[in-house]
PDB file of N, CA and C in Angstrom:
ATOM      1  N   MET A   1     -13.376 -41.983 -18.486  1.00  0.00           N
ATOM      2  CA  MET A   1     -12.564 -41.117 -19.023  1.00  0.00           C
ATOM      3  C   MET A   1     -12.744 -39.831 -18.774  1.00  0.00           C
ATOM      4  N   ALA A   2     -11.699 -39.042 -18.163  1.00  0.00           N
ATOM      5  CA  ALA A   2     -11.978 -37.629 -17.820  1.00  0.00           C
ATOM      6  C   ALA A   2     -10.725 -36.963 -18.092  1.00  0.00           C
ATOM      7  N   ILE A   3     -10.940 -35.968 -18.973  1.00  0.00           N
ATOM      8  CA  ILE A   3      -9.847 -35.009 -19.171  1.00  0.00           C
ATOM      9  C   ILE A   3     -10.278 -33.767 -18.785  1.00  0.00           C
ATOM     10  N   HIS A   4      -9.593 -32.793 -18.331  1.00  0.00           N
ATOM     11  CA  HIS A   4      -9.817 -31.579 -17.758  1.00  0.00           C
ATOM     12  C   HIS A   4      -9.132 -30.378 -18.325  1.00  0.00           C
ATOM     13  N   LEU A   5      -9.610 -29.257 -18.431  1.00  0.00           N
ATOM     14  CA  LEU A   5      -9.101 -28.061 -19.002  1.00  0.00           C
ATOM     15  C   LEU A   5      -9.100 -27.077 -17.826  1.00  0.00           C
ATOM     16  N   VAL A   6      -8.016 -26.657 -17.528  1.00  0.00           N
ATOM     17  CA  VAL A   6      -7.690 -25.696 -16.500  1.00  0.00           C
ATOM     18  C   VAL A   6      -7.212 -24.418 -17.146  1.00  0.00           C
ATOM     19  N   TYR A   7      -7.923 -23.275 -16.666  1.00  0.00           N
ATOM     20  CA  TYR A   7      -7.692 -21.959 -17.289  1.00  0.00           C
ATOM     21  C   TYR A   7      -7.190 -21.030 -16.210  1.00  0.00           C
ATOM     22  N   SER A   8      -6.297 -20.139 -16.679  1.00  0.00           N
ATOM     23  CA  SER A   8      -5.833 -19.073 -15.851  1.00  0.00           C
ATOM     24  C   SER A   8      -5.350 -17.829 -16.642  1.00  0.00           C
ATOM     25  N   TYR A   9      -5.025 -16.857 -16.119  1.00  0.00           N
ATOM     26  CA  TYR A   9      -4.581 -15.649 -16.689  1.00  0.00           C
ATOM     27  C   TYR A   9      -3.489 -14.909 -16.210  1.00  0.00           C
ATOM     28  N   TYR A  10      -2.664 -14.324 -16.999  1.00  0.00           N
ATOM     29  CA  TYR A  10      -1.345 -13.950 -16.502  1.00  0.00           C
ATOM     30  C   TYR A  10      -1.070 -12.418 -17.129  1.00  0.00           C
ATOM     31  N   PRO A  11      -0.459 -11.584 -16.283  1.00  0.00           N
ATOM     32  CA  PRO A  11      -0.081 -10.270 -16.790  1.00  0.00           C
ATOM     33  C   PRO A  11       0.877 -10.240 -17.788  1.00  0.00           C
ATOM     34  N   LYS A  12       1.886 -11.157 -18.034  1.00  0.00           N
ATOM     35  CA  LYS A  12       2.979 -10.914 -19.102  1.00  0.00           C
ATOM     36  C   LYS A  12       3.173 -12.363 -19.609  1.00  0.00           C
ATOM     37  N   LEU A  13       3.624 -12.415 -20.892  1.00  0.00           N
ATOM     38  CA  LEU A  13       3.916 -13.577 -21.605  1.00  0.00           C
ATOM     39  C   LEU A  13       4.902 -14.307 -21.043  1.00  0.00           C
ATOM     40  N   ASN A  14       6.210 -13.557 -20.458  1.00  0.00           N
ATOM     41  CA  ASN A  14       7.272 -14.514 -19.927  1.00  0.00           C
ATOM     42  C   ASN A  14       6.724 -14.962 -18.635  1.00  0.00           C
ATOM     43  N   GLU A  15       5.815 -14.515 -17.846  1.00  0.00           N
ATOM     44  CA  GLU A  15       5.273 -15.103 -16.701  1.00  0.00           C
ATOM     45  C   GLU A  15       4.513 -16.388 -17.072  1.00  0.00           C
ATOM     46  N   ALA A  16       3.805 -16.356 -18.032  1.00  0.00           N
ATOM     47  CA  ALA A  16       2.809 -17.232 -18.513  1.00  0.00           C
ATOM     48  C   ALA A  16       3.666 -18.370 -18.897  1.00  0.00           C
ATOM     49  N   LYS A  17       4.695 -18.271 -19.890  1.00  0.00           N
ATOM     50  CA  LYS A  17       5.610 -19.305 -20.384  1.00  0.00           C
ATOM     51  C   LYS A  17       6.362 -19.986 -19.226  1.00  0.00           C
ATOM     52  N   LYS A  18       6.776 -19.386 -18.072  1.00  0.00           N
ATOM     53  CA  LYS A  18       7.597 -19.897 -17.296  1.00  0.00           C
ATOM     54  C   LYS A  18       6.773 -20.815 -16.408  1.00  0.00           C
ATOM     55  N   ILE A  19       5.405 -20.415 -16.081  1.00  0.00           N
ATOM     56  CA  ILE A  19       4.506 -21.400 -15.379  1.00  0.00           C
ATOM     57  C   ILE A  19       4.234 -22.417 -16.268  1.00  0.00           C
ATOM     58  N   ALA A  20       3.915 -22.227 -17.583  1.00  0.00           N
ATOM     59  CA  ALA A  20       3.650 -23.395 -18.388  1.00  0.00           C
ATOM     60  C   ALA A  20       4.762 -24.417 -18.421  1.00  0.00           C
ATOM     61  N   LYS A  21       6.005 -23.921 -18.411  1.00  0.00           N
ATOM     62  CA  LYS A  21       7.080 -24.885 -18.493  1.00  0.00           C
ATOM     63  C   LYS A  21       7.234 -25.643 -17.039  1.00  0.00           C
ATOM     64  N   SER A  22       6.867 -25.057 -15.969  1.00  0.00           N
ATOM     65  CA  SER A  22       6.937 -25.580 -14.754  1.00  0.00           C
ATOM     66  C   SER A  22       5.966 -26.580 -14.720  1.00  0.00           C
ATOM     67  N   VAL A  23       4.614 -26.290 -15.104  1.00  0.00           N
ATOM     68  CA  VAL A  23       3.673 -27.389 -14.952  1.00  0.00           C
ATOM     69  C   VAL A  23       4.115 -28.637 -15.865  1.00  0.00           C
ATOM     70  N   LEU A  24       4.509 -28.311 -17.204  1.00  0.00           N
ATOM     71  CA  LEU A  24       4.842 -29.416 -17.930  1.00  0.00           C
ATOM     72  C   LEU A  24       5.841 -30.465 -17.322  1.00  0.00           C
ATOM     73  N   LYS A  25       7.003 -29.764 -16.691  1.00  0.00           N
ATOM     74  CA  LYS A  25       8.230 -30.523 -16.086  1.00  0.00           C
ATOM     75  C   LYS A  25       7.830 -31.243 -15.090  1.00  0.00           C
ATOM     76  N   ASN A  26       6.901 -30.613 -14.201  1.00  0.00           N
ATOM     77  CA  ASN A  26       6.133 -31.369 -13.011  1.00  0.00           C
ATOM     78  C   ASN A  26       4.991 -32.362 -13.468  1.00  0.00           C
ATOM     79  N   LYS A  27       4.821 -32.580 -14.751  1.00  0.00           N
ATOM     80  CA  LYS A  27       3.707 -33.493 -15.130  1.00  0.00           C
ATOM     81  C   LYS A  27       2.376 -33.178 -14.617  1.00  0.00           C
ATOM     82  N   LEU A  28       2.051 -31.868 -14.350  1.00  0.00           N
ATOM     83  CA  LEU A  28       0.627 -31.580 -13.976  1.00  0.00           C
ATOM     84  C   LEU A  28      -0.181 -31.390 -14.858  1.00  0.00           C
ATOM     85  N   ALA A  29       0.255 -31.258 -16.242  1.00  0.00           N
ATOM     86  CA  ALA A  29      -0.683 -31.281 -17.562  1.00  0.00           C
ATOM     87  C   ALA A  29       0.295 -31.941 -18.782  1.00  0.00           C
ATOM     88  N   ALA A  30      -0.494 -32.206 -19.736  1.00  0.00           N
ATOM     89  CA  ALA A  30       0.072 -32.796 -20.773  1.00  0.00           C
ATOM     90  C   ALA A  30       0.387 -31.773 -21.888  1.00  0.00           C
ATOM     91  N   CYS A  31      -0.346 -30.544 -21.862  1.00  0.00           N
ATOM     92  CA  CYS A  31      -0.230 -29.636 -22.986  1.00  0.00           C
ATOM     93  C   CYS A  31      -0.630 -28.350 -22.425  1.00  0.00           C
ATOM     94  N   VAL A  32      -0.126 -27.277 -22.797  1.00  0.00           N
ATOM     95  CA  VAL A  32      -0.457 -25.910 -22.351  1.00  0.00           C
ATOM     96  C   VAL A  32      -0.701 -25.073 -23.705  1.00  0.00           C
ATOM     97  N   ASN A  33      -1.710 -24.306 -23.755  1.00  0.00           N
ATOM     98  CA  ASN A  33      -2.071 -23.227 -24.932  1.00  0.00           C
ATOM     99  C   ASN A  33      -1.928 -22.011 -24.392  1.00  0.00           C
ATOM    100  N   ILE A  34      -1.280 -21.131 -24.909  1.00  0.00           N
ATOM    101  CA  ILE A  34      -1.250 -19.664 -24.569  1.00  0.00           C
ATOM    102  C   ILE A  34      -1.837 -18.720 -25.656  1.00  0.00           C
ATOM    103  N   ASN A  35      -2.679 -17.954 -25.191  1.00  0.00           N
ATOM    104  CA  ASN A  35      -3.377 -16.995 -26.006  1.00  0.00           C
ATOM    105  C   ASN A  35      -2.890 -15.712 -25.389  1.00  0.00           C
ATOM    106  N   LYS A  36      -2.270 -15.009 -26.357  1.00  0.00           N
ATOM    107  CA  LYS A  36      -1.864 -13.641 -25.801  1.00  0.00           C
ATOM    108  C   LYS A  36      -2.689 -12.427 -26.284  1.00  0.00           C
ATOM    109  N   ASN A  37      -3.811 -12.630 -26.628  1.00  0.00           N
ATOM    110  CA  ASN A  37      -4.638 -11.538 -27.143  1.00  0.00           C
ATOM    111  C   ASN A  37      -5.986 -11.593 -26.583  1.00  0.00           C
ATOM    112  N   ILE A  38      -5.896 -11.382 -24.999  1.00  0.00           N
ATOM    113  CA  ILE A  38      -6.986 -11.475 -24.385  1.00  0.00           C
ATOM    114  C   ILE A  38      -7.244  -9.737 -23.731  1.00  0.00           C
ATOM    115  N   ASN A  39      -8.292  -9.381 -23.772  1.00  0.00           N
ATOM    116  CA  ASN A  39      -8.714  -8.045 -23.080  1.00  0.00           C
ATOM    117  C   ASN A  39      -9.544  -8.445 -21.985  1.00  0.00           C
ATOM    118  N   SER A  40      -9.176  -8.066 -20.729  1.00  0.00           N
ATOM    119  CA  SER A  40     -10.103  -8.421 -19.551  1.00  0.00           C
ATOM    120  C   SER A  40     -10.743  -7.003 -18.982  1.00  0.00           C
ATOM    121  N   LEU A  41     -11.908  -7.097 -18.707  1.00  0.00           N
ATOM    122  CA  LEU A  41     -12.394  -5.933 -18.181  1.00  0.00           C
ATOM    123  C   LEU A  41     -13.166  -6.458 -16.940  1.00  0.00           C
ATOM    124  N   TYR A  42     -12.898  -5.723 -15.906  1.00  0.00           N
ATOM    125  CA  TYR A  42     -13.445  -6.047 -14.572  1.00  0.00           C
ATOM    126  C   TYR A  42     -13.161  -4.853 -13.494  1.00  0.00           C
ATOM    127  N   PHE A  43     -13.737  -5.134 -12.113  1.00  0.00           N
ATOM    128  CA  PHE A  43     -13.572  -4.137 -11.172  1.00  0.00           C
ATOM    129  C   PHE A  43     -12.598  -4.710 -10.172  1.00  0.00           C
ATOM    130  N   TRP A  44     -11.645  -4.037  -9.755  1.00  0.00           N
ATOM    131  CA  TRP A  44     -10.655  -4.646  -8.554  1.00  0.00           C
ATOM    132  C   TRP A  44     -10.683  -3.389  -7.551  1.00  0.00           C
ATOM    133  N   ASN A  45     -10.765  -3.789  -6.335  1.00  0.00           N
ATOM    134  CA  ASN A  45     -10.715  -2.529  -5.405  1.00  0.00           C
ATOM    135  C   ASN A  45     -11.437  -1.302  -5.721  1.00  0.00           C
ATOM    136  N   ASN A  46     -12.726  -1.520  -6.198  1.00  0.00           N
ATOM    137  CA  ASN A  46     -13.753  -0.466  -6.650  1.00  0.00           C
ATOM    138  C   ASN A  46     -13.188   0.564  -7.765  1.00  0.00           C
ATOM    139  N   LYS A  47     -12.141  -0.059  -8.546  1.00  0.00           N
ATOM    140  CA  LYS A  47     -11.484   0.520  -9.754  1.00  0.00           C
ATOM    141  C   LYS A  47     -11.796  -0.318 -11.051  1.00  0.00           C
ATOM    142  N   PHE A  48     -12.487   0.206 -12.050  1.00  0.00           N
ATOM    143  CA  PHE A  48     -12.702  -0.183 -13.242  1.00  0.00           C
ATOM    144  C   PHE A  48     -11.382  -0.455 -13.990  1.00  0.00           C
ATOM    145  N   CYS A  49     -10.970  -1.722 -14.391  1.00  0.00           N
ATOM    146  CA  CYS A  49      -9.858  -2.147 -15.032  1.00  0.00           C
ATOM    147  C   CYS A  49     -10.173  -2.739 -16.482  1.00  0.00           C
ATOM    148  N   ASP A  50      -9.387  -2.313 -17.221  1.00  0.00           N
ATOM    149  CA  ASP A  50      -9.367  -2.683 -18.804  1.00  0.00           C
ATOM    150  C   ASP A  50      -7.837  -3.158 -19.303  1.00  0.00           C
ATOM    151  N   GLU A  51      -7.541  -4.346 -18.930  1.00  0.00           N
ATOM    152  CA  GLU A  51      -6.285  -4.847 -19.053  1.00  0.00           C
ATOM    153  C   GLU A  51      -6.116  -6.037 -20.263  1.00  0.00           C
ATOM    154  N   LYS A  52      -4.835  -5.951 -20.698  1.00  0.00           N
ATOM    155  CA  LYS A  52      -4.448  -7.064 -21.499  1.00  0.00           C
ATOM    156  C   LYS A  52      -3.808  -8.041 -20.665  1.00  0.00           C
ATOM    157  N   GLU A  53      -4.096  -9.296 -21.018  1.00  0.00           N
ATOM    158  CA  GLU A  53      -3.790 -10.395 -20.237  1.00  0.00           C
ATOM    159  C   GLU A  53      -3.510 -11.583 -21.346  1.00  0.00           C
ATOM    160  N   ILE A  54      -2.842 -12.451 -20.580  1.00  0.00           N
ATOM    161  CA  ILE A  54      -2.366 -13.782 -21.304  1.00  0.00           C
ATOM    162  C   ILE A  54      -3.353 -14.909 -20.725  1.00  0.00           C
ATOM    163  N   GLU A  55      -3.955 -15.655 -21.653  1.00  0.00           N
ATOM    164  CA  GLU A  55      -4.842 -16.689 -21.189  1.00  0.00           C
ATOM    165  C   GLU A  55      -3.959 -17.974 -21.320  1.00  0.00           C
ATOM    166  N   ILE A  56      -4.037 -18.818 -20.233  1.00  0.00           N
ATOM    167  CA  ILE A  56      -3.241 -20.050 -20.397  1.00  0.00           C
ATOM    168  C   ILE A  56      -4.380 -21.201 -20.293  1.00  0.00           C
ATOM    169  N   SER A  57      -4.364 -22.236 -21.037  1.00  0.00           N
ATOM    170  CA  SER A  57      -5.144 -23.368 -20.807  1.00  0.00           C
ATOM    171  C   SER A  57      -4.218 -24.601 -20.736  1.00  0.00           C
ATOM    172  N   PHE A  58      -4.678 -25.411 -19.631  1.00  0.00           N
ATOM    173  CA  PHE A  58      -3.820 -26.588 -19.463  1.00  0.00           C
ATOM    174  C   PHE A  58      -4.720 -27.897 -19.669  1.00  0.00           C
ATOM    175  N   LYS A  59      -4.140 -28.791 -20.304  1.00  0.00           N
ATOM    176  CA  LYS A  59      -5.015 -29.984 -20.683  1.00  0.00           C
ATOM    177  C   LYS A  59      -4.367 -31.112 -19.764  1.00  0.00           C
ATOM    178  N   THR A  60      -5.151 -31.620 -18.818  1.00  0.00           N
ATOM    179  CA  THR A  60      -4.648 -32.727 -17.849  1.00  0.00           C
ATOM    180  C   THR A  60      -5.691 -33.926 -17.577  1.00  0.00           C
ATOM    181  N   TYR A  61      -5.247 -34.708 -16.917  1.00  0.00           N
ATOM    182  CA  TYR A  61      -6.031 -36.024 -16.664  1.00  0.00           C
ATOM    183  C   TYR A  61      -6.406 -35.719 -15.149  1.00  0.00           C
ATOM    184  N   LYS A  62      -7.778 -36.304 -14.836  1.00  0.00           N
ATOM    185  CA  LYS A  62      -8.581 -35.919 -13.712  1.00  0.00           C
ATOM    186  C   LYS A  62      -7.728 -36.102 -12.386  1.00  0.00           C
ATOM    187  N   ASN A  63      -6.749 -37.088 -12.232  1.00  0.00           N
ATOM    188  CA  ASN A  63      -6.155 -37.160 -11.042  1.00  0.00           C
ATOM    189  C   ASN A  63      -5.049 -35.962 -10.850  1.00  0.00           C
ATOM    190  N   LYS A  64      -4.947 -35.215 -11.651  1.00  0.00           N
ATOM    191  CA  LYS A  64      -3.947 -34.150 -11.492  1.00  0.00           C
ATOM    192  C   LYS A  64      -4.630 -32.720 -11.313  1.00  0.00           C
ATOM    193  N   VAL A  65      -5.766 -32.559 -11.482  1.00  0.00           N
ATOM    194  CA  VAL A  65      -6.557 -31.372 -11.307  1.00  0.00           C
ATOM    195  C   VAL A  65      -6.215 -30.550 -10.045  1.00  0.00           C
ATOM    196  N   LYS A  66      -6.427 -31.185  -8.854  1.00  0.00           N
ATOM    197  CA  LYS A  66      -6.283 -30.719  -7.630  1.00  0.00           C
ATOM    198  C   LYS A  66      -4.985 -30.221  -7.586  1.00  0.00           C
ATOM    199  N   LYS A  67      -4.026 -30.762  -7.871  1.00  0.00           N
ATOM    200  CA  LYS A  67      -2.549 -30.399  -7.788  1.00  0.00           C
ATOM    201  C   LYS A  67      -2.130 -29.173  -8.598  1.00  0.00           C
ATOM    202  N   LEU A  68      -2.741 -29.278  -9.776  1.00  0.00           N
ATOM    203  CA  LEU A  68      -2.474 -28.314 -10.668  1.00  0.00           C
ATOM    204  C   LEU A  68      -3.010 -27.048 -10.334  1.00  0.00           C
ATOM    205  N   VAL A  69      -4.365 -27.103  -9.955  1.00  0.00           N
ATOM    206  CA  VAL A  69      -4.971 -25.772  -9.322  1.00  0.00           C
ATOM    207  C   VAL A  69      -4.095 -25.308  -8.089  1.00  0.00           C
ATOM    208  N   LEU A  70      -3.767 -26.020  -7.138  1.00  0.00           N
ATOM    209  CA  LEU A  70      -2.997 -25.566  -5.948  1.00  0.00           C
ATOM    210  C   LEU A  70      -1.779 -25.005  -6.419  1.00  0.00           C
ATOM    211  N   PHE A  71      -1.009 -25.605  -7.574  1.00  0.00           N
ATOM    212  CA  PHE A  71       0.368 -25.300  -8.030  1.00  0.00           C
ATOM    213  C   PHE A  71       0.161 -23.914  -8.656  1.00  0.00           C
ATOM    214  N   LEU A  72      -1.041 -23.486  -9.422  1.00  0.00           N
ATOM    215  CA  LEU A  72      -1.105 -22.268 -10.135  1.00  0.00           C
ATOM    216  C   LEU A  72      -1.358 -21.176  -9.204  1.00  0.00           C
ATOM    217  N   GLU A  73      -2.204 -21.458  -8.206  1.00  0.00           N
ATOM    218  CA  GLU A  73      -2.500 -20.577  -7.144  1.00  0.00           C
ATOM    219  C   GLU A  73      -1.365 -20.032  -6.366  1.00  0.00           C
ATOM    220  N   LYS A  74      -0.461 -21.174  -5.920  1.00  0.00           N
ATOM    221  CA  LYS A  74       0.744 -20.806  -5.213  1.00  0.00           C
ATOM    222  C   LYS A  74       1.707 -19.946  -5.727  1.00  0.00           C
ATOM    223  N   ASN A  75       1.858 -20.212  -7.256  1.00  0.00           N
ATOM    224  CA  ASN A  75       2.994 -19.670  -7.995  1.00  0.00           C
ATOM    225  C   ASN A  75       2.358 -18.557  -8.892  1.00  0.00           C
ATOM    226  N   HIS A  76       1.159 -17.982  -8.569  1.00  0.00           N
ATOM    227  CA  HIS A  76       0.563 -16.926  -9.406  1.00  0.00           C
ATOM    228  C   HIS A  76       0.994 -15.470  -8.877  1.00  0.00           C
ATOM    229  N   PRO A  77       1.227 -14.580  -9.714  1.00  0.00           N
ATOM    230  CA  PRO A  77       1.549 -13.170  -9.293  1.00  0.00           C
ATOM    231  C   PRO A  77       0.435 -12.205  -9.106  1.00  0.00           C
ATOM    232  N   TYR A  78      -0.880 -12.895  -9.141  1.00  0.00           N
ATOM    233  CA  TYR A  78      -2.031 -11.877  -8.913  1.00  0.00           C
ATOM    234  C   TYR A  78      -2.410 -12.471  -7.203  1.00  0.00           C
ATOM    235  N   GLU A  79      -2.788 -11.243  -6.518  1.00  0.00           N
ATOM    236  CA  GLU A  79      -3.325 -11.508  -5.246  1.00  0.00           C
ATOM    237  C   GLU A  79      -4.757 -12.642  -5.194  1.00  0.00           C
ATOM    238  N   CYS A  80      -5.416 -12.433  -6.200  1.00  0.00           N
ATOM    239  CA  CYS A  80      -6.666 -13.162  -6.428  1.00  0.00           C
ATOM    240  C   CYS A  80      -6.795 -13.780  -7.744  1.00  0.00           C
ATOM    241  N   PRO A  81      -6.008 -14.894  -8.104  1.00  0.00           N
ATOM    242  CA  PRO A  81      -5.909 -15.372  -9.403  1.00  0.00           C
ATOM    243  C   PRO A  81      -7.123 -15.985 -10.031  1.00  0.00           C
ATOM    244  N   CYS A  82      -7.341 -16.068 -10.932  1.00  0.00           N
ATOM    245  CA  CYS A  82      -8.567 -16.891 -11.672  1.00  0.00           C
ATOM    246  C   CYS A  82      -8.103 -18.210 -12.224  1.00  0.00           C
ATOM    247  N   VAL A  83      -8.360 -19.279 -11.493  1.00  0.00           N
ATOM    248  CA  VAL A  83      -7.973 -20.763 -11.781  1.00  0.00           C
ATOM    249  C   VAL A  83      -9.213 -21.479 -11.896  1.00  0.00           C
ATOM    250  N   ILE A  84      -9.528 -21.858 -13.134  1.00  0.00           N
ATOM    251  CA  ILE A  84     -10.907 -22.526 -13.207  1.00  0.00           C
ATOM    252  C   ILE A  84     -10.847 -23.858 -13.911  1.00  0.00           C
ATOM    253  N   ALA A  85     -11.709 -24.785 -13.834  1.00  0.00           N
ATOM    254  CA  ALA A  85     -11.333 -26.211 -14.445  1.00  0.00           C
ATOM    255  C   ALA A  85     -12.576 -26.551 -14.932  1.00  0.00           C
ATOM    256  N   PHE A  86     -12.684 -27.395 -16.060  1.00  0.00           N
ATOM    257  CA  PHE A  86     -13.844 -27.785 -16.519  1.00  0.00           C
ATOM    258  C   PHE A  86     -13.523 -29.325 -16.988  1.00  0.00           C
ATOM    259  N   THR A  87     -14.452 -30.179 -16.696  1.00  0.00           N
ATOM    260  CA  THR A  87     -14.335 -31.489 -17.250  1.00  0.00           C
ATOM    261  C   THR A  87     -15.059 -31.599 -18.721  1.00  0.00           C
ATOM    262  N   ILE A  88     -13.972 -32.381 -19.508  1.00  0.00           N
ATOM    263  CA  ILE A  88     -14.143 -32.812 -20.744  1.00  0.00           C
ATOM    264  C   ILE A  88     -14.990 -34.120 -20.833  1.00  0.00           C
ATOM    265  N   LYS A  89     -16.324 -34.170 -21.040  1.00  0.00           N
ATOM    266  CA  LYS A  89     -17.023 -35.305 -20.997  1.00  0.00           C
ATOM    267  C   LYS A  89     -16.584 -36.492 -21.956  1.00  0.00           C
ATOM    268  N   SER A  90     -16.230 -36.023 -23.180  1.00  0.00           N
ATOM    269  CA  SER A  90     -15.757 -37.052 -24.206  1.00  0.00           C
ATOM    270  C   SER A  90     -14.572 -36.412 -25.131  1.00  0.00           C
ATOM    271  N   SER A  91     -13.791 -37.288 -25.522  1.00  0.00           N
ATOM    272  CA  SER A  91     -12.617 -36.973 -26.603  1.00  0.00           C
ATOM    273  C   SER A  91     -12.299 -38.046 -27.305  1.00  0.00           C
ATOM    274  N   ASN A  92     -11.565 -38.007 -28.393  1.00  0.00           N
ATOM    275  CA  ASN A  92     -11.040 -39.096 -29.020  1.00  0.00           C
ATOM    276  C   ASN A  92     -10.179 -39.817 -28.102  1.00  0.00           C
ATOM    277  N   LYS A  93     -10.400 -41.243 -28.428  1.00  0.00           N
ATOM    278  CA  LYS A  93      -9.523 -42.057 -27.563  1.00  0.00           C
ATOM    279  C   LYS A  93      -8.008 -41.996 -27.536  1.00  0.00           C
ATOM    280  N   LYS A  94      -7.363 -41.706 -28.794  1.00  0.00           N
ATOM    281  CA  LYS A  94      -5.938 -41.537 -28.840  1.00  0.00           C
ATOM    282  C   LYS A  94      -5.539 -40.262 -27.996  1.00  0.00           C
ATOM    283  N   PHE A  95      -6.275 -39.238 -28.084  1.00  0.00           N
ATOM    284  CA  PHE A  95      -5.938 -37.968 -27.513  1.00  0.00           C
ATOM    285  C   PHE A  95      -6.015 -38.264 -25.879  1.00  0.00           C
ATOM    286  N   PHE A  96      -7.206 -38.791 -25.499  1.00  0.00           N
ATOM    287  CA  PHE A  96      -7.288 -39.155 -24.109  1.00  0.00           C
ATOM    288  C   PHE A  96      -6.252 -40.048 -23.489  1.00  0.00           C
ATOM    289  N   ASN A  97      -5.757 -41.036 -24.414  1.00  0.00           N
ATOM    290  CA  ASN A  97      -4.630 -41.853 -24.081  1.00  0.00           C
ATOM    291  C   ASN A  97      -3.373 -41.035 -23.629  1.00  0.00           C
ATOM    292  N   TRP A  98      -3.081 -40.126 -24.815  1.00  0.00           N
ATOM    293  CA  TRP A  98      -1.889 -39.279 -24.797  1.00  0.00           C
ATOM    294  C   TRP A  98      -1.810 -38.550 -23.375  1.00  0.00           C
ATOM    295  N   ILE A  99      -3.261 -37.877 -23.150  1.00  0.00           N
ATOM    296  CA  ILE A  99      -3.004 -36.902 -21.927  1.00  0.00           C
ATOM    297  C   ILE A  99      -2.635 -37.779 -20.575  1.00  0.00           C
ATOM    298  N   LYS A 100      -3.297 -38.796 -20.626  1.00  0.00           N
ATOM    299  CA  LYS A 100      -3.142 -39.732 -19.461  1.00  0.00           C
ATOM    300  C   LYS A 100      -1.711 -40.363 -19.213  1.00  0.00           C
ATOM    301  N   SER A 101      -1.065 -40.535 -20.445  1.00  0.00           N
ATOM    302  CA  SER A 101       0.374 -41.084 -20.511  1.00  0.00           C
ATOM    303  C   SER A 101       1.155 -39.931 -20.170  1.00  0.00           C
ATOM    304  N   GLN A 102       0.753 -38.714 -20.513  1.00  0.00           N
ATOM    305  CA  GLN A 102       1.902 -37.397 -20.133  1.00  0.00           C
ATOM    306  C   GLN A 102       1.876 -36.932 -18.880  1.00  0.00           C
ATOM    307  N   THR A 103       0.778 -37.355 -18.046  1.00  0.00           N
ATOM    308  CA  THR A 103       0.626 -36.811 -16.740  1.00  0.00           C
ATOM    309  C   THR A 103       0.768 -37.915 -15.502  1.00  0.00           C
ATOM    310  N   LYS A 104       1.363 -38.995 -15.896  1.00  0.00           N
ATOM    311  CA  LYS A 104       1.569 -40.181 -14.951  1.00  0.00           C
ATOM    312  C   LYS A 104       2.807 -39.707 -14.011  1.00  0.00           C
TER     313      LYS A 104
END
């Protein structure tokens, strides 16, 4: 049993929703959560950045992780997007089965 959480960050809510809908329509994830209250601090091109971002988390099955990561990277507005995946080692069986069924 392996569910994965894949995270990425977007500059605008409308972009985040657009990618979320595309991911779901393409069955690359079963569920998408959008958190619009993220404040990201980082250096980019030797400049300190303090930006508002939209965090998106995708719940998917193990056989879709690679495709999802590639899809997000290809369709991302950032030059160097953060796309990271974590394996969930356990979950309740009903939820696991739902994730698996939605990503077939």
